């Protein structure tokens, strides 16, 4: 088996005469905010031809750094067969249909199936609204001799699930940040910097848990970080390590692993090839060690050259954003008010109203009454400041997932009265009837509180409930004692060991007591 990195979460897998391409991303995502790092716009022409003409295509989920609609529409051979995760809806399949793809293999969650002689795949689907109503997934490919786990940024709760298919040779996984928090929030600079440090630590801890569980021959850091070439966002790049950012590169992840004696994390750039023979992995790089090292040791210089090459593209992109319209509030009323009418549990969970300042237009989302109107001084618990042209463009596109279309761009600022509220962001991720039905159902279940029949567990000197209330992670695996807190390393949520209250969201307390 051979696996070639094509940038970010992208992989070209070759085995037994069959090729599978995973998450090919080339066109900058999220309104030109995210770029592939290291850059993949200079791949060898022969490799690019193979990427565009595979036997099978796997897209893990609908986020723009995985589902590159422009590249798929313009470059990908439409005769390829698409491997579909077992998501609750066929939204991913419909998006492929819009681009002209017609050949699909519908998989069954976590179940191996043969797609070609001697080649078996299993796709593990995650379906929580928190990680995206369209779902997220991980791919396992086995050829009878070698096995690859492509976890990308799928945060599976069950560490044993990916191992049920057998020992793993190559484990591709995310280690870096992939969200807008806390950088866009209005808060004290020192507090924001500490939150970034905490989040980076949580990201690394989570990734290390997966590494230790899968115990692959070779770990391949992937699915991030992106880089930011727009000057307005350039400070989000982590160059010296002192930036207020959650985007460390693979060299820092490798150092963290090495500190704990894990030395099998490969250095990976677009074009890096991994060949698995008799359970041994050989790595071949597309450039010299010194050239690769310079990408990371002279990162600022590398990014500035990269930025210059794409400056005109960025300028043209921003020039084409929509001009202000005269009926933006009425458009949102017709779109969002029916969605609020069908989601009383979501609105209850939000528990406050929201102000969106789209440039000079203040838009008031009254979740209590289920209305959209122009703000006239009413109280609010959440506020977003978004450039008018950007917001107009997102609305004109009828984007059903503001997380994917807007928030991940980091082209906004935010303020909130209290702690993080997942119901608010789940609303903005679910701006279609299909999505809101699922989001409302999940919110209703969470608000009612589903009792667990699982026994409490012991962590250090404490007895705690087994499941994290955020994403149902098994705390016997992901729970860590950190000073006065219990930390769930799956997403970095923290709980006070004295009384169980959650430091991230007030309504997410856990049961905890000191052991007798």
Protein backbone atom coordinates (compact mmCIF):
# COMPACT_ATOMS: atom_id res chain seq x y z
CA UNK A 1 0.00 0.00 0.00
CA UNK A 2 1.17 3.50 -0.86
CA UNK A 3 -0.32 6.69 0.56
CA UNK A 4 0.71 10.12 -0.75
CA UNK A 5 -0.11 13.34 1.06
CA UNK A 6 -1.81 15.87 -1.21
CA UNK A 7 -2.08 18.59 1.43
CA UNK A 8 -4.13 19.19 4.59
CA UNK A 9 -6.37 16.08 4.97
CA UNK A 10 -5.85 15.01 1.36
CA UNK A 11 -4.48 11.54 0.57
CA UNK A 12 -3.96 9.51 -2.60
CA UNK A 13 -4.08 5.82 -1.65
CA UNK A 14 -2.77 3.21 -4.12
CA UNK A 15 -3.05 -0.52 -3.56
CA UNK A 16 -3.72 -3.61 -5.68
CA UNK A 17 -4.08 -1.46 -8.80
CA UNK A 18 -6.85 0.67 -7.25
CA UNK A 19 -6.66 4.34 -6.22
CA UNK A 20 -8.70 6.15 -3.57
CA UNK A 21 -8.51 9.92 -3.20
CA UNK A 22 -9.49 11.43 0.14
CA UNK A 23 -10.48 15.06 0.81
CA UNK A 24 -8.64 16.81 -2.05
CA UNK A 25 -8.52 20.52 -1.10
CA UNK A 26 -6.85 23.08 -3.36
CA UNK A 27 -9.01 26.22 -3.60
CA UNK A 28 -8.75 28.42 -0.47
CA UNK A 29 -11.74 27.91 1.80
CA UNK A 30 -14.12 29.99 3.90
CA UNK A 31 -14.11 33.14 1.80
CA UNK A 32 -10.40 33.01 1.14
CA UNK A 33 -9.45 32.75 4.80
CA UNK A 34 -7.92 29.26 4.92
CA UNK A 35 -5.05 28.17 2.68
CA UNK A 36 -3.36 24.78 2.57
CA UNK A 37 -0.15 24.66 4.62
CA UNK A 38 2.39 23.73 3.45
CA UNK A 39 1.18 24.86 0.04
CA UNK A 40 0.00 22.28 -2.49
CA UNK A 41 -0.45 24.50 -5.54
CA UNK A 42 2.84 23.25 -7.03
CA UNK A 43 2.27 19.50 -7.08
CA UNK A 44 3.82 17.45 -9.84
CA UNK A 45 1.56 17.36 -12.94
CA UNK A 46 1.57 13.55 -13.05
CA UNK A 47 0.52 13.33 -9.40
CA UNK A 48 -2.21 15.90 -9.97
CA UNK A 49 -3.50 13.86 -12.93
CA UNK A 50 -3.76 10.78 -10.70
CA UNK A 51 -5.55 12.82 -8.04
CA UNK A 52 -8.14 13.99 -10.55
CA UNK A 53 -8.77 10.51 -11.98
CA UNK A 54 -9.10 8.01 -9.13
CA UNK A 55 -11.16 4.86 -8.99
CA UNK A 56 -12.80 5.98 -5.74
CA UNK A 57 -13.33 9.33 -4.03
CA UNK A 58 -13.94 9.76 -0.30
CA UNK A 59 -14.99 13.06 1.26
CA UNK A 60 -15.12 12.88 5.06
CA UNK A 61 -17.59 15.74 5.55
CA UNK A 62 -18.97 18.92 4.02
CA UNK A 63 -16.61 21.55 5.47
CA UNK A 64 -14.88 23.59 2.78
CA UNK A 65 -11.37 22.37 3.61
CA UNK A 66 -12.54 18.81 2.82
CA UNK A 67 -15.36 19.22 0.31
CA UNK A 68 -13.70 21.56 -2.21
CA UNK A 69 -16.68 22.15 -4.50
CA UNK A 70 -14.73 24.26 -7.01
CA UNK A 71 -11.97 21.70 -7.45
CA UNK A 72 -14.40 18.78 -7.60
CA UNK A 73 -16.53 20.56 -10.20
CA UNK A 74 -13.70 21.75 -12.42
CA UNK A 75 -11.01 19.09 -12.13
CA UNK A 76 -12.31 15.80 -10.72
CA UNK A 77 -13.32 13.03 -13.15
CA UNK A 78 -17.08 12.63 -12.71
CA UNK A 79 -16.87 8.92 -13.58
CA UNK A 80 -15.16 8.17 -10.30
CA UNK A 81 -17.14 6.25 -7.71
CA UNK A 82 -17.89 8.14 -4.50
CA UNK A 83 -17.72 6.32 -1.15
CA UNK A 84 -20.56 7.72 1.00
CA UNK A 85 -20.50 7.65 4.81
CA UNK A 86 -23.61 6.37 6.54
CA UNK A 87 -24.89 9.80 7.54
CA UNK A 88 -28.48 10.35 8.76
CA UNK A 89 -29.35 12.36 5.63
CA UNK A 90 -28.29 12.30 1.97
CA UNK A 91 -27.09 15.88 2.01
CA UNK A 92 -23.54 14.92 0.99
CA UNK A 93 -24.84 12.81 -1.89
CA UNK A 94 -27.03 15.70 -3.09
CA UNK A 95 -24.04 18.04 -3.10
CA UNK A 96 -22.12 15.53 -5.24
CA UNK A 97 -25.10 15.26 -7.57
CA UNK A 98 -25.08 19.02 -8.09
CA UNK A 99 -21.48 18.72 -9.30
CA UNK A 100 -22.27 15.93 -11.78
CA UNK A 101 -21.25 12.80 -9.85
CA UNK A 102 -23.58 9.84 -10.38
CA UNK A 103 -21.74 6.71 -9.14
CA UNK A 104 -21.94 5.98 -5.41
CA UNK A 105 -21.20 3.24 -2.90
CA UNK A 106 -23.34 3.69 0.21
CA UNK A 107 -21.51 2.23 3.19
CA UNK A 108 -22.88 0.96 6.49
CA UNK A 109 -21.49 2.65 9.58
CA UNK A 110 -18.27 1.01 10.87
CA UNK A 111 -18.85 -2.06 8.69
CA UNK A 112 -16.15 -3.38 6.37
CA UNK A 113 -17.13 -4.01 2.77
CA UNK A 114 -15.13 -5.07 -0.25
CA UNK A 115 -14.99 -2.41 -2.99
CA UNK A 116 -12.49 -4.26 -5.21
CA UNK A 117 -10.77 -7.67 -5.06
CA UNK A 118 -8.82 -7.78 -1.80
CA UNK A 119 -9.61 -4.17 -0.82
CA UNK A 120 -11.98 -3.49 2.04
CA UNK A 121 -13.11 -0.18 3.48
CA UNK A 122 -15.02 0.81 6.59
CA UNK A 123 -16.31 4.32 7.19
CA UNK A 124 -17.06 5.35 10.76
CA UNK A 125 -19.63 8.15 10.90
CA UNK A 126 -20.11 10.71 13.66
CA UNK A 127 -23.52 12.39 13.65
CA UNK A 128 -23.68 14.85 16.56
CA UNK A 129 -25.06 18.28 15.61
CA UNK A 130 -22.12 19.83 17.49
CA UNK A 131 -19.63 18.61 14.90
CA UNK A 132 -21.87 19.52 11.99
CA UNK A 133 -25.41 18.40 11.11
CA UNK A 134 -24.11 16.92 7.86
CA UNK A 135 -21.92 14.53 9.87
CA UNK A 136 -18.19 13.75 10.05
CA UNK A 137 -16.39 10.51 9.37
CA UNK A 138 -13.17 8.48 9.39
CA UNK A 139 -12.03 5.94 6.79
CA UNK A 140 -10.26 2.60 7.28
CA UNK A 141 -8.68 0.96 4.21
CA UNK A 142 -7.35 -2.62 4.32
CA UNK A 143 -5.77 -4.64 1.50
CA UNK A 144 -5.12 -7.88 3.38
CA UNK A 145 -1.53 -6.94 4.18
CA UNK A 146 -1.62 -3.27 5.22
CA UNK A 147 -4.10 -0.98 6.91
CA UNK A 148 -4.56 2.79 6.89
CA UNK A 149 -6.77 4.79 9.25
CA UNK A 150 -7.70 8.21 7.88
CA UNK A 151 -9.16 9.89 10.96
CA UNK A 152 -8.66 13.44 9.61
CA UNK A 153 -10.59 15.66 12.08
CA UNK A 154 -13.24 13.12 13.07
CA UNK A 155 -13.42 13.08 16.87
CA UNK A 156 -14.80 9.65 17.46
CA UNK A 157 -15.78 8.88 21.05
CA UNK A 158 -15.03 5.16 20.76
CA UNK A 159 -11.28 4.67 20.59
CA UNK A 160 -11.62 0.94 20.07
CA UNK A 161 -13.91 1.26 17.06
CA UNK A 162 -11.14 2.17 14.61
CA UNK A 163 -9.05 -0.75 15.87
CA UNK A 164 -11.70 -3.42 15.40
CA UNK A 165 -10.49 -4.02 11.83
CA UNK A 166 -6.98 -4.99 12.92
CA UNK A 167 -3.49 -3.50 13.49
CA UNK A 168 -2.81 -0.15 11.81
CA UNK A 169 0.22 0.78 9.72
CA UNK A 170 -0.60 4.42 8.92
CA UNK A 171 -2.69 6.69 11.15
CA UNK A 172 -3.58 10.09 9.66
CA UNK A 173 -5.14 12.49 12.18
CA UNK A 174 -5.73 16.12 13.06
CA UNK A 175 -3.73 17.70 15.87
CA UNK A 176 -4.27 21.43 15.32
CA UNK A 177 -7.13 23.85 15.85
CA UNK A 178 -10.00 24.19 13.40
CA UNK A 179 -12.35 26.75 14.92
CA UNK A 180 -12.71 30.50 15.45
CA UNK A 181 -12.64 30.41 19.27
CA UNK A 182 -11.29 32.27 21.14
CA UNK A 183 -9.55 34.53 18.62
CA UNK A 184 -12.65 36.37 17.40
CA UNK A 185 -14.08 37.08 20.86
CA UNK A 186 -14.01 40.46 22.54
CA UNK A 187 -12.21 39.86 25.84
CA UNK A 188 -9.12 40.80 27.80
CA UNK A 189 -5.97 40.08 25.78
CA UNK A 190 -4.31 38.11 28.57
CA UNK A 191 -7.43 36.00 29.06
CA UNK A 192 -7.67 35.31 25.34
CA UNK A 193 -4.01 34.31 25.16
CA UNK A 194 -4.43 31.89 28.08
CA UNK A 195 -7.53 30.38 26.46
CA UNK A 196 -5.50 29.78 23.30
CA UNK A 197 -2.74 28.08 25.30
CA UNK A 198 -5.33 25.89 27.05
CA UNK A 199 -6.99 25.00 23.77
CA UNK A 200 -3.70 24.03 22.12
CA UNK A 201 -2.89 21.82 25.11
CA UNK A 202 -6.32 20.18 24.85
CA UNK A 203 -5.89 19.63 21.10
CA UNK A 204 -2.56 17.90 21.61
CA UNK A 205 -3.88 15.83 24.53
CA UNK A 206 -6.83 14.62 22.45
CA UNK A 207 -4.66 13.74 19.48
CA UNK A 208 -2.18 11.94 21.72
CA UNK A 209 -4.97 9.80 23.18
CA UNK A 210 -5.86 8.68 19.68
CA UNK A 211 -2.20 8.01 18.84
CA UNK A 212 -1.73 5.91 21.97
CA UNK A 213 -4.93 3.97 21.34
CA UNK A 214 -4.44 3.22 17.64
CA UNK A 215 -0.73 2.46 18.18
CA UNK A 216 0.05 2.62 14.47
CA UNK A 217 3.45 1.95 12.98
CA UNK A 218 3.57 5.53 11.67
CA UNK A 219 1.54 8.58 12.69
CA UNK A 220 0.85 11.14 9.96
CA UNK A 221 -0.07 14.61 11.24
CA UNK A 222 -2.75 15.97 8.89
CA UNK A 223 -5.93 18.05 8.49
CA UNK A 224 -4.24 21.22 9.63
CA UNK A 225 -3.25 23.69 10.48
CA UNK A 226 -4.36 25.97 7.67
CA UNK A 227 -2.50 29.21 7.08
CA UNK A 228 -3.95 32.70 6.70
CA UNK A 229 -2.65 34.85 3.85
CA UNK A 230 -5.13 37.72 3.97
CA UNK A 231 -3.32 40.52 5.80
CA UNK A 232 -6.44 41.05 7.94
CA UNK A 233 -6.00 37.51 9.31
CA UNK A 234 -2.23 37.01 9.06
CA UNK A 235 -1.76 37.31 12.84
CA UNK A 236 -3.66 34.01 13.26
CA UNK A 237 -0.64 32.13 11.89
CA UNK A 238 1.49 30.62 14.63
CA UNK A 239 5.06 31.49 13.66
CA UNK A 240 7.04 32.15 16.86
CA UNK A 241 4.61 30.39 19.19
CA UNK A 242 3.79 33.60 21.06
CA UNK A 243 0.79 34.48 18.90
CA UNK A 244 -2.79 34.45 20.20
CA UNK A 245 -3.66 31.50 18.03
CA UNK A 246 -4.74 27.85 18.18
CA UNK A 247 -2.91 26.80 15.00
CA UNK A 248 0.47 25.22 15.88
CA UNK A 249 2.13 23.28 13.09
CA UNK A 250 3.27 19.66 13.04
CA UNK A 251 6.75 20.41 14.40
CA UNK A 252 5.25 21.40 17.75
CA UNK A 253 3.04 18.30 17.78
CA UNK A 254 6.06 16.12 17.09
CA UNK A 255 7.93 17.77 19.96
CA UNK A 256 5.02 17.16 22.33
CA UNK A 257 4.83 13.50 21.35
CA UNK A 258 8.60 13.04 21.63
CA UNK A 259 8.52 14.43 25.17
CA UNK A 260 6.35 11.43 26.07
CA UNK A 261 8.53 8.98 24.15
CA UNK A 262 6.38 8.78 20.99
CA UNK A 263 8.81 9.07 18.10
CA UNK A 264 6.87 7.72 15.11
CA UNK A 265 5.17 10.93 13.89
CA UNK A 266 6.33 11.60 10.34
CA UNK A 267 7.08 14.99 8.83
CA UNK A 268 4.52 15.47 6.08
CA UNK A 269 4.21 17.94 3.23
CA UNK A 270 2.22 17.70 -0.01
CA UNK A 271 3.91 14.99 -2.06
CA UNK A 272 5.26 12.98 0.88
CA UNK A 273 4.89 9.26 0.07
CA UNK A 274 4.42 6.42 2.57
CA UNK A 275 5.03 2.87 1.34
CA UNK A 276 3.93 -0.03 3.55
CA UNK A 277 5.61 -3.40 2.92
CA UNK A 278 5.57 -6.26 5.44
CA UNK A 279 4.36 -3.93 8.20
CA UNK A 280 7.32 -1.61 7.69
CA UNK A 281 6.81 1.98 6.50
CA UNK A 282 9.20 3.76 4.16
CA UNK A 283 8.88 7.53 3.78
CA UNK A 284 9.96 9.36 0.62
CA UNK A 285 9.94 13.15 0.51
CA UNK A 286 9.45 15.34 -2.60
CA UNK A 287 12.28 17.69 -1.58
CA UNK A 288 15.43 17.70 0.53
CA UNK A 289 15.41 17.68 4.30
CA UNK A 290 16.87 21.19 4.39
CA UNK A 291 14.13 22.50 2.10
CA UNK A 292 11.44 20.92 4.25
CA UNK A 293 13.02 22.19 7.45
CA UNK A 294 13.13 25.73 6.07
CA UNK A 295 9.32 25.75 5.65
CA UNK A 296 9.01 25.57 9.42
CA UNK A 297 12.18 27.31 10.63
CA UNK A 298 11.67 30.26 8.24
CA UNK A 299 7.90 30.14 8.36
CA UNK A 300 7.25 33.90 8.18
CA UNK A 301 9.36 34.19 5.02
CA UNK A 302 7.60 31.15 3.51
CA UNK A 303 4.17 32.58 4.25
CA UNK A 304 5.03 35.99 2.83
CA UNK A 305 6.12 34.45 -0.50
CA UNK A 306 2.97 32.34 -0.54
CA UNK A 307 0.90 35.45 0.26
CA UNK A 308 2.40 37.42 -2.63
CA UNK A 309 1.55 34.65 -5.10
CA UNK A 310 -2.13 34.71 -4.09
CA UNK A 311 -2.60 38.44 -3.44
CA UNK A 312 -4.45 39.16 -6.69
CA UNK A 313 -6.68 36.12 -6.28
CA UNK A 314 -7.68 37.34 -2.82
CA UNK A 315 -8.33 40.87 -4.04
CA UNK A 316 -10.54 39.60 -6.86
CA UNK A 317 -12.45 37.33 -4.48
CA UNK A 318 -13.27 40.12 -2.02
CA UNK A 319 -14.24 42.49 -4.84
CA UNK A 320 -16.97 40.05 -5.85
CA UNK A 321 -18.72 39.90 -2.47
CA UNK A 322 -22.33 41.09 -2.60
CA UNK A 323 -23.12 44.78 -2.28
CA UNK A 324 -25.66 45.80 0.39
CA UNK A 325 -29.27 45.04 -0.49
CA UNK A 326 -32.41 46.80 0.67
CA UNK A 327 -34.34 43.79 1.97
CA UNK A 328 -31.83 41.86 4.09
CA UNK A 329 -34.01 41.79 7.22
CA UNK A 330 -37.09 40.74 5.27
CA UNK A 331 -35.06 37.99 3.58
CA UNK A 332 -33.99 36.67 6.98
CA UNK A 333 -37.55 36.89 8.34
CA UNK A 334 -38.86 34.70 5.54
CA UNK A 335 -35.98 32.25 5.96
CA UNK A 336 -35.36 32.06 9.73
CA UNK A 337 -38.73 32.68 11.36
CA UNK A 338 -40.24 29.38 10.09
CA UNK A 339 -37.11 27.59 11.37
CA UNK A 340 -37.50 29.18 14.79
CA UNK A 341 -41.17 28.18 14.84
CA UNK A 342 -40.19 24.54 14.45
CA UNK A 343 -37.40 24.61 17.06
CA UNK A 344 -38.76 25.59 20.49
CA UNK A 345 -36.23 23.38 22.32
CA UNK A 346 -33.30 24.97 20.48
CA UNK A 347 -34.62 28.42 21.35
CA UNK A 348 -35.10 27.39 24.97
CA UNK A 349 -31.52 26.14 25.07
CA UNK A 350 -30.23 29.42 23.62
CA UNK A 351 -32.03 31.29 26.40
CA UNK A 352 -31.26 34.80 25.10
CA UNK A 353 -31.53 37.04 22.07
CA UNK A 354 -28.86 37.83 19.50
CA UNK A 355 -27.72 41.01 17.76
CA UNK A 356 -25.99 40.75 14.39
CA UNK A 357 -24.40 44.02 13.29
CA UNK A 358 -24.02 43.52 9.54
CA UNK A 359 -21.94 46.59 8.95
CA UNK A 360 -24.25 49.51 9.68
CA UNK A 361 -27.42 47.34 9.80
CA UNK A 362 -28.33 46.02 13.29
CA UNK A 363 -30.34 42.79 12.99
CA UNK A 364 -32.12 41.50 16.10
CA UNK A 365 -32.79 37.76 16.40
CA UNK A 366 -35.48 37.43 19.06
CA UNK A 367 -35.27 33.77 20.02
CA UNK A 368 -37.88 34.21 22.77
CA UNK A 369 -40.54 35.38 20.30
CA UNK A 370 -39.14 33.67 17.20
CA UNK A 371 -38.79 36.86 15.16
CA UNK A 372 -36.22 38.77 13.09
CA UNK A 373 -36.36 42.57 13.10
CA UNK A 374 -34.17 45.66 13.07
CA UNK A 375 -32.58 46.27 16.45
CA UNK A 376 -34.06 49.18 18.37
CA UNK A 377 -32.24 48.96 21.69
CA UNK A 378 -33.66 45.66 22.95
CA UNK A 379 -31.47 43.61 25.33
CA UNK A 380 -29.34 40.78 23.93
CA UNK A 381 -27.06 38.05 25.24
CA UNK A 382 -25.02 37.42 22.08
CA UNK A 383 -23.56 39.80 19.51
CA UNK A 384 -21.75 39.32 16.20
CA UNK A 385 -20.00 42.04 14.17
CA UNK A 386 -19.83 40.97 10.52
CA UNK A 387 -18.83 42.99 7.43
CA UNK A 388 -21.98 43.85 5.47
CA UNK A 389 -20.72 42.58 2.13
CA UNK A 390 -19.67 39.25 3.65
CA UNK A 391 -22.98 38.76 5.44
CA UNK A 392 -24.91 39.71 2.29
CA UNK A 393 -22.92 37.10 0.34
CA UNK A 394 -23.60 34.34 2.88
CA UNK A 395 -27.32 35.17 2.89
CA UNK A 396 -27.49 35.36 -0.91
CA UNK A 397 -26.00 31.86 -1.05
CA UNK A 398 -28.66 30.61 1.40
CA UNK A 399 -25.86 28.94 3.35
CA UNK A 400 -27.47 26.31 5.59
CA UNK A 401 -24.38 26.06 7.82
CA UNK A 402 -22.98 29.39 9.04
CA UNK A 403 -20.18 27.48 10.77
CA UNK A 404 -18.92 26.26 7.40
CA UNK A 405 -19.74 29.33 5.36
CA UNK A 406 -19.02 32.18 7.76
CA UNK A 407 -17.70 31.44 11.25
CA UNK A 408 -14.69 29.36 10.18
CA UNK A 409 -13.56 32.31 8.08
CA UNK A 410 -12.74 34.17 11.32
CA UNK A 411 -13.86 37.32 9.48
CA UNK A 412 -16.04 38.57 12.34
CA UNK A 413 -15.93 39.43 16.02
CA UNK A 414 -18.19 38.08 18.74
CA UNK A 415 -19.32 38.86 22.27
CA UNK A 416 -21.46 36.84 24.68
CA UNK A 417 -22.93 37.61 28.06
CA UNK A 418 -22.14 34.27 29.67
CA UNK A 419 -20.48 31.01 28.80
CA UNK A 420 -20.43 29.13 25.49
CA UNK A 421 -23.88 28.11 24.30
CA UNK A 422 -23.88 25.19 21.88
CA UNK A 423 -27.60 25.64 21.09
CA UNK A 424 -26.89 29.05 19.53
CA UNK A 425 -24.20 27.71 17.22
CA UNK A 426 -26.27 24.62 16.46
CA UNK A 427 -29.06 26.93 15.29
CA UNK A 428 -26.70 28.69 12.91
CA UNK A 429 -25.43 25.32 11.64
CA UNK A 430 -28.97 24.15 10.86
CA UNK A 431 -30.57 26.72 8.58
CA UNK A 432 -32.70 24.31 6.59
CA UNK A 433 -35.83 22.34 7.48
CA UNK A 434 -33.93 19.05 7.17
CA UNK A 435 -31.13 20.16 9.47
CA UNK A 436 -33.37 21.96 11.96
CA UNK A 437 -35.54 18.87 12.40
CA UNK A 438 -32.48 16.92 13.59
CA UNK A 439 -31.15 19.80 15.70
CA UNK A 440 -34.50 20.27 17.44
CA UNK A 441 -34.76 16.55 18.14
CA UNK A 442 -31.28 16.47 19.70
CA UNK A 443 -31.94 19.63 21.72
CA UNK A 444 -35.21 18.23 23.06
CA UNK A 445 -33.47 15.04 24.15
CA UNK A 446 -30.65 16.95 25.87
CA UNK A 447 -32.98 19.34 27.68
CA UNK A 448 -35.14 16.50 28.94
CA UNK A 449 -32.04 14.75 30.26
CA UNK A 450 -31.59 11.12 29.36
CA UNK A 451 -30.59 9.15 32.47
CA UNK A 452 -27.56 6.93 32.08
CA UNK A 453 -27.51 3.37 33.33
CA UNK A 454 -23.71 3.34 33.24
CA UNK A 455 -21.87 3.19 36.54
CA UNK A 456 -19.74 6.09 37.73
CA UNK A 457 -15.98 5.74 37.28
CA UNK A 458 -12.92 6.60 39.32
CA UNK A 459 -10.33 9.07 38.08
CA UNK A 460 -7.54 9.73 40.52
CA UNK A 461 -9.08 10.51 43.90
CA UNK A 462 -12.53 11.25 42.45
CA UNK A 463 -15.69 9.39 41.48
CA UNK A 464 -17.34 10.96 38.41
CA UNK A 465 -20.07 10.15 35.91
CA UNK A 466 -18.77 8.18 32.97
CA UNK A 467 -20.00 10.42 30.14
CA UNK A 468 -19.07 14.02 29.36
CA UNK A 469 -22.29 16.05 28.97
CA UNK A 470 -20.89 17.93 25.97
CA UNK A 471 -20.38 15.13 23.45
CA UNK A 472 -20.93 11.96 25.47
CA UNK A 473 -17.20 11.16 25.50
CA UNK A 474 -16.12 8.32 27.78
CA UNK A 475 -14.30 10.06 30.63
CA UNK A 476 -12.55 6.83 31.57
CA UNK A 477 -10.62 7.40 28.33
CA UNK A 478 -10.66 11.18 27.82
CA UNK A 479 -10.88 12.41 31.44
CA UNK A 480 -7.82 13.92 33.14
CA UNK A 481 -7.30 15.62 36.50
CA UNK A 482 -5.67 19.03 36.04
CA UNK A 483 -5.28 20.83 39.34
CA UNK A 484 -8.78 21.65 40.60
CA UNK A 485 -10.44 20.62 37.34
CA UNK A 486 -11.48 17.49 35.50
CA UNK A 487 -10.69 17.99 31.81
CA UNK A 488 -12.39 16.09 29.00
CA UNK A 489 -9.58 16.04 26.44
CA UNK A 490 -11.90 15.22 23.51
CA UNK A 491 -12.84 18.90 23.25
CA UNK A 492 -11.03 20.44 26.23
CA UNK A 493 -14.09 21.09 28.41
CA UNK A 494 -13.30 21.67 32.09
CA UNK A 495 -15.32 20.81 35.21
CA UNK A 496 -14.72 22.02 38.78
CA UNK A 497 -13.88 19.01 40.96
CA UNK A 498 -15.42 20.69 44.00
CA UNK A 499 -19.00 20.87 42.70
CA UNK A 500 -18.96 19.57 39.11
CA UNK A 501 -19.93 22.86 37.45
CA UNK A 502 -18.69 23.31 33.91
CA UNK A 503 -16.32 26.19 33.23
CA UNK A 504 -17.31 26.24 29.54
CA UNK A 505 -21.13 26.16 29.78
CA UNK A 506 -23.18 26.62 32.94
CA UNK A 507 -25.79 24.03 32.03
CA UNK A 508 -23.26 21.19 31.55
CA UNK A 509 -22.44 20.23 35.16
CA UNK A 510 -21.33 16.68 36.02
CA UNK A 511 -21.63 14.42 39.06
CA UNK A 512 -18.36 14.31 40.96
CA UNK A 513 -17.31 13.53 44.53
CA UNK A 514 -14.12 12.82 46.41
CA UNK A 515 -13.44 9.11 46.88
CA UNK A 516 -14.00 7.77 50.41
